[in-house]
Amino acid sequence: MAGILHALGSKTSLMFRGKTVMRHGFDHFIVETLMQELEKHGPTLLGQHTPTALVKEADGACGHTCAFVRAYVRACGHAGA
């Protein structure tokens, strides 16, 4: 979903708990190729991150926190900036 929203022009990040997406049961070559393409053309990649909280901000944005990053997600059609 992050890749689709990024392709449509949204600022997006893809957070995943491991070093790569699709880590269990997938061919290593496919995972490596996917990661390279995401790094070149896709959303911001946030590997080895686990969200600790999900909060609604005063401006209506949904924010999540983890140990190293604070990011915001805006729904499609949000009236805010």
C-alpha atoms as a PDB file:
ATOM      1  CA  MET A   1       0.000   0.000   0.000  1.00  0.00           C
ATOM      2  CA  ALA A   2       2.853   2.411   0.787  1.00  0.00           C
ATOM      3  CA  GLY A   3       4.247   1.906  -2.724  1.00  0.00           C
ATOM      4  CA  ILE A   4       0.881   2.650  -4.318  1.00  0.00           C
ATOM      5  CA  LEU A   5       0.356   5.806  -2.269  1.00  0.00           C
ATOM      6  CA  HIS A   6       3.926   6.896  -3.063  1.00  0.00           C
ATOM      7  CA  ALA A   7       3.317   6.361  -6.797  1.00  0.00           C
ATOM      8  CA  LEU A   8       0.184   8.535  -6.526  1.00  0.00           C
ATOM      9  CA  GLY A   9       2.293  11.372  -5.122  1.00  0.00           C
ATOM     10  CA  SER A  10       1.877  11.002  -1.363  1.00  0.00           C
ATOM     11  CA  LYS A  11       4.828  11.287   0.999  1.00  0.00           C
ATOM     12  CA  THR A  12       4.963   7.772   2.443  1.00  0.00           C
ATOM     13  CA  SER A  13       7.135   5.594   4.645  1.00  0.00           C
ATOM     14  CA  LEU A  14       7.198   1.822   4.901  1.00  0.00           C
ATOM     15  CA  MET A  15       7.989   0.579   8.405  1.00  0.00           C
ATOM     16  CA  PHE A  16       8.969  -3.045   8.952  1.00  0.00           C
ATOM     17  CA  ARG A  17      10.352  -4.928  11.946  1.00  0.00           C
ATOM     18  CA  GLY A  18      13.233  -6.752  10.274  1.00  0.00           C
ATOM     19  CA  LYS A  19      16.102  -5.753   8.017  1.00  0.00           C
ATOM     20  CA  THR A  20      13.993  -6.397   4.902  1.00  0.00           C
ATOM     21  CA  VAL A  21      10.367  -6.726   3.886  1.00  0.00           C
ATOM     22  CA  MET A  22       9.076 -10.246   3.153  1.00  0.00           C
ATOM     23  CA  ARG A  23      11.784 -11.967   5.181  1.00  0.00           C
ATOM     24  CA  HIS A  24      10.305 -15.399   5.948  1.00  0.00           C
ATOM     25  CA  GLY A  25       9.709 -17.982   3.240  1.00  0.00           C
ATOM     26  CA  PHE A  26      10.575 -15.823   0.232  1.00  0.00           C
ATOM     27  CA  ASP A  27      13.420 -16.321  -2.216  1.00  0.00           C
ATOM     28  CA  HIS A  28      16.453 -14.240  -1.158  1.00  0.00           C
ATOM     29  CA  PHE A  29      17.007 -12.935  -4.713  1.00  0.00           C
ATOM     30  CA  ILE A  30      13.418 -11.656  -4.944  1.00  0.00           C
ATOM     31  CA  VAL A  31      13.619  -9.958  -1.542  1.00  0.00           C
ATOM     32  CA  GLU A  32      16.985  -8.366  -2.403  1.00  0.00           C
ATOM     33  CA  THR A  33      15.691  -7.120  -5.770  1.00  0.00           C
ATOM     34  CA  LEU A  34      12.510  -5.741  -4.182  1.00  0.00           C
ATOM     35  CA  MET A  35      14.511  -3.883  -1.528  1.00  0.00           C
ATOM     36  CA  GLN A  36      16.787  -2.351  -4.186  1.00  0.00           C
ATOM     37  CA  GLU A  37      13.811  -1.155  -6.236  1.00  0.00           C
ATOM     38  CA  LEU A  38      12.013   0.219  -3.177  1.00  0.00           C
ATOM     39  CA  GLU A  39      15.151   2.131  -2.203  1.00  0.00           C
ATOM     40  CA  LYS A  40      15.414   3.633  -5.702  1.00  0.00           C
ATOM     41  CA  HIS A  41      11.765   4.360  -6.486  1.00  0.00           C
ATOM     42  CA  GLY A  42       9.592   3.731  -3.488  1.00  0.00           C
ATOM     43  CA  PRO A  43       8.610   5.196  -0.140  1.00  0.00           C
ATOM     44  CA  THR A  44      11.037   5.973   2.661  1.00  0.00           C
ATOM     45  CA  LEU A  45      12.117   2.656   4.191  1.00  0.00           C
ATOM     46  CA  LEU A  46      12.210   2.351   7.976  1.00  0.00           C
ATOM     47  CA  GLY A  47      13.683  -1.067   8.719  1.00  0.00           C
ATOM     48  CA  GLN A  48      14.003  -2.563  12.186  1.00  0.00           C
ATOM     49  CA  HIS A  49      11.272  -0.347  13.663  1.00  0.00           C
ATOM     50  CA  THR A  50       8.370  -1.449  15.821  1.00  0.00           C
ATOM     51  CA  PRO A  51       5.590   1.052  16.590  1.00  0.00           C
ATOM     52  CA  THR A  52       4.938   1.578  20.301  1.00  0.00           C
ATOM     53  CA  ALA A  53       1.905   3.876  20.135  1.00  0.00           C
ATOM     54  CA  LEU A  54      -0.691   5.239  17.715  1.00  0.00           C
ATOM     55  CA  VAL A  55      -2.111   8.671  18.492  1.00  0.00           C
ATOM     56  CA  LYS A  56      -4.417  11.201  16.866  1.00  0.00           C
ATOM     57  CA  GLU A  57      -2.759  14.607  16.671  1.00  0.00           C
ATOM     58  CA  ALA A  58      -4.541  17.945  17.197  1.00  0.00           C
ATOM     59  CA  ASP A  59      -4.422  18.633  13.428  1.00  0.00           C
ATOM     60  CA  GLY A  60      -6.185  15.332  12.684  1.00  0.00           C
ATOM     61  CA  ALA A  61      -3.098  13.425  11.540  1.00  0.00           C
ATOM     62  CA  CYS A  62      -2.558   9.916  12.850  1.00  0.00           C
ATOM     63  CA  GLY A  63       0.912   9.621  14.354  1.00  0.00           C
ATOM     64  CA  HIS A  64       2.815   6.605  15.551  1.00  0.00           C
ATOM     65  CA  THR A  65       5.891   6.479  17.691  1.00  0.00           C
ATOM     66  CA  CYS A  66       8.650   3.957  18.007  1.00  0.00           C
ATOM     67  CA  ALA A  67      12.100   4.011  19.522  1.00  0.00           C
ATOM     68  CA  PHE A  68      13.744   6.125  16.793  1.00  0.00           C
ATOM     69  CA  VAL A  69      11.142   7.888  14.662  1.00  0.00           C
ATOM     70  CA  ARG A  70       7.904   9.831  14.837  1.00  0.00           C
ATOM     71  CA  ALA A  71       5.905   9.673  11.635  1.00  0.00           C
ATOM     72  CA  TYR A  72       2.528  10.918  10.518  1.00  0.00           C
ATOM     73  CA  VAL A  73      -0.067   9.310   8.318  1.00  0.00           C
ATOM     74  CA  ARG A  74      -2.802  11.329   6.646  1.00  0.00           C
ATOM     75  CA  ALA A  75      -5.849   9.649   5.228  1.00  0.00           C
ATOM     76  CA  CYS A  76      -6.814  10.164   1.597  1.00  0.00           C
ATOM     77  CA  GLY A  77      -9.100  13.165   1.303  1.00  0.00           C
ATOM     78  CA  HIS A  78      -7.923  14.748   4.566  1.00  0.00           C
ATOM     79  CA  ALA A  79      -8.736  18.445   4.574  1.00  0.00           C
ATOM     80  CA  GLY A  80      -5.439  19.343   6.271  1.00  0.00           C
ATOM     81  CA  ALA A  81      -2.183  20.296   4.610  1.00  0.00           C
END
